[in-house]
Amino acid sequence: MKVNGFLKTETAKPKYNGKHLPLNNNQNGHDLIGDNHVATSLETPMREDAFLLSDEQKILLIEDKFREIMNVLGLDLRDDSLNGTPHRVAKMFVKEIFSGLNPQNMPKISVFDNKFKYGEMLVEKNINMNSTCEHHFLPIVGKAHVAYVSSGQVVGLSKINRVVDYFARRPQVQERLTVQIANELKRILKTEDVAVIIDAKHLCVSSRGIQDESSSTITAEYGGVFKNPHRKDEFLKYLSLDI
């Protein structure tokens, strides 16, 4: 199956019950990539067999693995507050915060003729965006701002929000997320005239490592007419962002 927005990788080879754990000779390299929030590909890295299991099967397997994690941490799962946590987390992963991994959840987008002959940019700003850092599996929370100039077709405003939400609901790097949203809207609208800005806070920065709660990260992708400084400035003026 060929799915847009995903990169096929080799099948993982996990160990069983934590036995014979290998020495990770590349740990420093992993830490360097994660702490510097480096993206290694434009597409979301996915194995070829990623969609062979049903959601229900994935929930059962993740529930079992997360119960093992909690046991390793020393938590007493006999406690009423903790007993259902492995299932809740598994269901949340598959059905909610990582639902954008499944191409079947891609929003159905209908386009319409631009009968009003509206020729200026359309801006949808302050779109809620909740994603997850793929390096530490901690939340990325912020706003997305999207603009496009119609080439003859338009989409319903809520559909832009749904595209943002779909690509956000997977382990992500903000730069990749920004480009994926822009590329998908270009494909849907059949135009290069698309701009996307994301302004977000990363809990992997605020709750660990440097523990900086005041900073945010801004990424942008400009296509077509938005590469023109005047058009770009017009877009930013609408957003009241000083970039």
Protein backbone atom coordinates (compact mmCIF):
# COMPACT_ATOMS: atom_id res chain seq x y z
CA MET A 1 0.00 0.00 0.00
CA LYS A 2 1.38 3.42 -0.98
CA VAL A 3 0.23 6.17 1.36
CA ASN A 4 1.07 9.85 0.96
CA GLY A 5 2.82 11.39 3.93
CA PHE A 6 4.52 8.23 5.15
CA LEU A 7 8.02 6.82 4.71
CA LYS A 8 8.41 3.04 4.64
CA THR A 9 11.18 1.61 6.81
CA GLU A 10 12.36 -1.88 7.69
CA THR A 11 10.35 -4.05 10.06
CA ALA A 12 11.41 -3.61 13.68
CA LYS A 13 12.98 -6.57 15.50
CA PRO A 14 12.07 -6.19 19.21
CA LYS A 15 13.50 -8.36 21.96
CA TYR A 16 11.20 -10.57 24.03
CA ASN A 17 10.42 -9.66 27.65
CA GLY A 18 13.49 -7.49 27.83
CA LYS A 19 15.91 -10.43 27.67
CA HIS A 20 19.35 -10.15 26.10
CA LEU A 21 19.13 -6.38 25.83
CA PRO A 22 21.78 -5.20 23.34
CA LEU A 23 24.33 -2.53 24.15
CA ASN A 24 23.16 0.60 22.38
CA ASN A 25 26.36 1.90 20.80
CA ASN A 26 24.48 4.75 19.12
CA GLN A 27 22.91 6.22 22.28
CA ASN A 28 24.89 9.45 22.04
CA GLY A 29 23.73 9.90 18.45
CA HIS A 30 20.11 9.29 19.48
CA ASP A 31 20.37 11.86 22.27
CA LEU A 32 21.95 14.38 19.91
CA ILE A 33 19.09 14.03 17.40
CA GLY A 34 16.41 14.17 20.09
CA ASP A 35 17.80 17.05 22.13
CA ASN A 36 18.29 19.13 19.00
CA HIS A 37 14.80 18.24 17.69
CA VAL A 38 16.17 17.08 14.34
CA ALA A 39 13.85 15.68 11.67
CA THR A 40 15.43 12.92 9.58
CA SER A 41 12.79 12.80 6.81
CA LEU A 42 9.94 14.81 5.28
CA GLU A 43 7.58 11.84 5.45
CA THR A 44 6.48 10.20 8.69
CA PRO A 45 8.70 7.09 9.10
CA MET A 46 6.43 4.04 8.95
CA ARG A 47 7.09 0.31 8.54
CA GLU A 48 5.61 -1.53 5.57
CA ASP A 49 3.48 -3.66 7.91
CA ALA A 50 2.20 -0.67 9.89
CA PHE A 51 -1.45 -1.17 8.93
CA LEU A 52 -1.78 -4.95 9.09
CA LEU A 53 -3.13 -4.86 12.65
CA SER A 54 -6.59 -3.56 13.43
CA ASP A 55 -7.04 -0.72 15.92
CA GLU A 56 -8.42 -3.20 18.44
CA GLN A 57 -5.36 -5.43 18.08
CA LYS A 58 -3.04 -2.47 18.51
CA ILE A 59 -4.88 -1.37 21.65
CA LEU A 60 -4.50 -4.83 23.20
CA LEU A 61 -0.78 -5.00 22.41
CA ILE A 62 -0.03 -1.44 23.60
CA GLU A 63 -2.05 -2.04 26.76
CA ASP A 64 0.11 -5.07 27.57
CA LYS A 65 3.36 -3.19 26.87
CA PHE A 66 2.34 -0.13 28.86
CA ARG A 67 1.36 -2.30 31.81
CA GLU A 68 4.90 -3.70 31.64
CA ILE A 69 6.34 -0.16 31.66
CA MET A 70 4.32 0.73 34.73
CA ASN A 71 5.46 -2.46 36.44
CA VAL A 72 9.10 -1.67 35.67
CA LEU A 73 8.59 1.79 37.22
CA GLY A 74 7.40 0.06 40.39
CA LEU A 75 3.77 1.20 40.27
CA ASP A 76 1.17 -1.00 41.98
CA LEU A 77 -1.44 -1.75 39.33
CA ARG A 78 -3.73 -3.27 41.96
CA ASP A 79 -4.58 0.30 42.95
CA ASP A 80 -7.99 1.36 41.64
CA SER A 81 -6.57 4.58 40.19
CA LEU A 82 -3.87 2.77 38.20
CA ASN A 83 -5.56 -0.49 37.26
CA GLY A 84 -7.26 0.87 34.13
CA THR A 85 -4.43 3.14 33.05
CA PRO A 86 -2.77 0.75 30.55
CA HIS A 87 -6.04 0.40 28.63
CA ARG A 88 -6.80 4.12 28.79
CA VAL A 89 -3.36 5.00 27.46
CA ALA A 90 -3.53 2.40 24.68
CA LYS A 91 -6.95 3.58 23.55
CA MET A 92 -5.79 7.22 23.68
CA PHE A 93 -2.72 6.44 21.57
CA VAL A 94 -4.60 4.59 18.83
CA LYS A 95 -7.94 6.40 18.74
CA GLU A 96 -6.92 9.94 19.64
CA ILE A 97 -3.46 11.45 19.80
CA PHE A 98 -1.91 9.15 17.17
CA SER A 99 -5.00 8.61 15.02
CA GLY A 100 -3.31 10.58 12.22
CA LEU A 101 -0.97 7.64 11.62
CA ASN A 102 -3.83 5.72 10.03
CA PRO A 103 -4.54 6.90 6.45
CA GLN A 104 -8.12 5.72 6.85
CA ASN A 105 -8.58 8.71 9.18
CA MET A 106 -7.57 11.21 6.51
CA PRO A 107 -10.41 13.76 6.39
CA LYS A 108 -12.61 13.64 3.31
CA ILE A 109 -12.17 17.02 1.62
CA SER A 110 -14.53 18.30 -1.07
CA VAL A 111 -13.58 21.28 -3.22
CA PHE A 112 -15.94 23.74 -4.84
CA ASP A 113 -15.72 26.17 -7.71
CA ASN A 114 -14.77 29.69 -6.67
CA LYS A 115 -18.08 31.11 -7.91
CA PHE A 116 -17.55 34.39 -6.06
CA LYS A 117 -14.37 34.94 -8.10
CA TYR A 118 -12.61 35.88 -4.85
CA GLY A 119 -9.04 36.63 -5.88
CA GLU A 120 -7.34 37.67 -2.63
CA MET A 121 -5.79 35.43 -0.02
CA LEU A 122 -8.03 33.56 2.38
CA VAL A 123 -6.59 33.31 5.89
CA GLU A 124 -7.63 30.84 8.58
CA LYS A 125 -5.73 31.75 11.75
CA ASN A 126 -5.47 30.53 15.34
CA ILE A 127 -6.28 26.91 14.47
CA ASN A 128 -5.84 24.77 17.58
CA MET A 129 -2.94 22.37 17.11
CA ASN A 130 -2.11 19.49 19.46
CA SER A 131 0.69 17.16 18.46
CA THR A 132 3.38 14.98 20.03
CA CYS A 133 7.16 15.30 19.88
CA GLU A 134 8.49 12.13 18.24
CA HIS A 135 11.75 12.34 20.20
CA HIS A 136 10.32 12.30 23.73
CA PHE A 137 6.60 11.60 23.18
CA LEU A 138 5.62 14.80 24.99
CA PRO A 139 2.96 17.28 23.80
CA ILE A 140 3.43 20.06 21.27
CA VAL A 141 0.66 22.63 21.78
CA GLY A 142 0.05 25.74 19.73
CA LYS A 143 -1.71 27.46 16.87
CA ALA A 144 -1.54 27.02 13.11
CA HIS A 145 -2.21 29.83 10.63
CA VAL A 146 -3.03 28.94 7.03
CA ALA A 147 -3.57 31.03 3.90
CA TYR A 148 -4.16 30.27 0.25
CA VAL A 149 -5.06 32.03 -2.97
CA SER A 150 -7.65 30.15 -5.01
CA SER A 151 -6.71 28.86 -8.44
CA GLY A 152 -10.39 28.33 -9.15
CA GLN A 153 -11.32 26.00 -6.30
CA VAL A 154 -12.05 26.52 -2.59
CA VAL A 155 -12.65 24.31 0.44
CA GLY A 156 -14.89 24.70 3.47
CA LEU A 157 -13.12 26.54 6.26
CA SER A 158 -13.45 23.70 8.77
CA LYS A 159 -11.68 21.37 6.33
CA ILE A 160 -8.46 23.36 6.75
CA ASN A 161 -8.70 22.73 10.50
CA ARG A 162 -9.22 19.03 9.86
CA VAL A 163 -6.12 18.80 7.67
CA VAL A 164 -4.06 20.47 10.41
CA ASP A 165 -5.49 18.12 13.03
CA TYR A 166 -4.89 14.99 10.94
CA PHE A 167 -1.17 15.62 10.42
CA ALA A 168 -0.74 16.82 14.02
CA ARG A 169 -2.15 13.60 15.48
CA ARG A 170 1.00 11.55 15.10
CA PRO A 171 4.55 11.65 16.50
CA GLN A 172 5.94 14.76 14.85
CA VAL A 173 8.69 17.28 14.35
CA GLN A 174 7.27 20.78 13.92
CA GLU A 175 9.17 21.52 10.71
CA ARG A 176 7.82 18.35 9.09
CA LEU A 177 4.30 19.04 10.33
CA THR A 178 4.37 22.50 8.76
CA VAL A 179 5.48 21.18 5.38
CA GLN A 180 3.06 18.23 5.41
CA ILE A 181 0.09 20.54 6.01
CA ALA A 182 1.21 22.87 3.21
CA ASN A 183 1.81 20.02 0.75
CA GLU A 184 -1.58 18.45 1.43
CA LEU A 185 -3.41 21.75 0.93
CA LYS A 186 -1.49 22.35 -2.30
CA ARG A 187 -2.60 18.92 -3.49
CA ILE A 188 -6.25 19.46 -2.52
CA LEU A 189 -6.51 22.99 -3.90
CA LYS A 190 -4.33 22.33 -6.96
CA THR A 191 -2.25 25.43 -6.34
CA GLU A 192 1.20 26.30 -5.04
CA ASP A 193 -0.19 29.47 -3.46
CA VAL A 194 -0.34 28.17 0.12
CA ALA A 195 1.26 29.46 3.32
CA VAL A 196 1.41 27.77 6.73
CA ILE A 197 2.79 29.11 10.02
CA ILE A 198 2.84 27.18 13.30
CA ASP A 199 3.59 28.79 16.67
CA ALA A 200 3.86 26.14 19.39
CA LYS A 201 5.23 25.27 22.78
CA HIS A 202 7.10 21.98 23.24
CA LEU A 203 6.81 20.22 26.58
CA CYS A 204 10.05 18.41 25.78
CA VAL A 205 11.63 21.87 26.18
CA SER A 206 9.53 23.16 29.10
CA SER A 207 9.20 20.04 31.28
CA ARG A 208 12.63 18.40 30.80
CA GLY A 209 16.12 19.30 29.63
CA ILE A 210 16.50 23.09 29.72
CA GLN A 211 12.99 23.43 31.29
CA ASP A 212 12.28 26.73 29.56
CA GLU A 213 8.58 27.53 29.94
CA SER A 214 8.63 30.91 28.20
CA SER A 215 9.90 30.08 24.71
CA SER A 216 7.87 28.97 21.71
CA THR A 217 8.84 27.68 18.28
CA ILE A 218 7.67 29.25 15.02
CA THR A 219 7.94 27.46 11.68
CA ALA A 220 6.73 28.58 8.27
CA GLU A 221 6.26 27.22 4.77
CA TYR A 222 5.57 29.60 1.87
CA GLY A 223 4.59 28.50 -1.62
CA GLY A 224 3.81 30.26 -4.89
CA VAL A 225 2.81 33.90 -4.50
CA PHE A 226 3.65 33.82 -0.79
CA LYS A 227 7.34 33.79 -1.67
CA ASN A 228 6.78 37.37 -2.81
CA PRO A 229 7.80 39.65 0.09
CA HIS A 230 4.73 41.86 -0.32
CA ARG A 231 2.32 38.90 -0.19
CA LYS A 232 4.22 37.43 2.76
CA ASP A 233 4.05 40.73 4.63
CA GLU A 234 0.32 40.97 3.92
CA PHE A 235 -0.21 37.50 5.39
CA LEU A 236 1.84 38.31 8.49
CA LYS A 237 -0.04 41.58 8.93
CA TYR A 238 -3.31 39.67 9.03
CA LEU A 239 -1.85 37.49 11.76
CA SER A 240 -0.31 40.42 13.66
CA LEU A 241 2.87 38.40 13.97
CA ASP A 242 6.18 40.22 14.04
CA ILE A 243 8.43 37.76 12.18
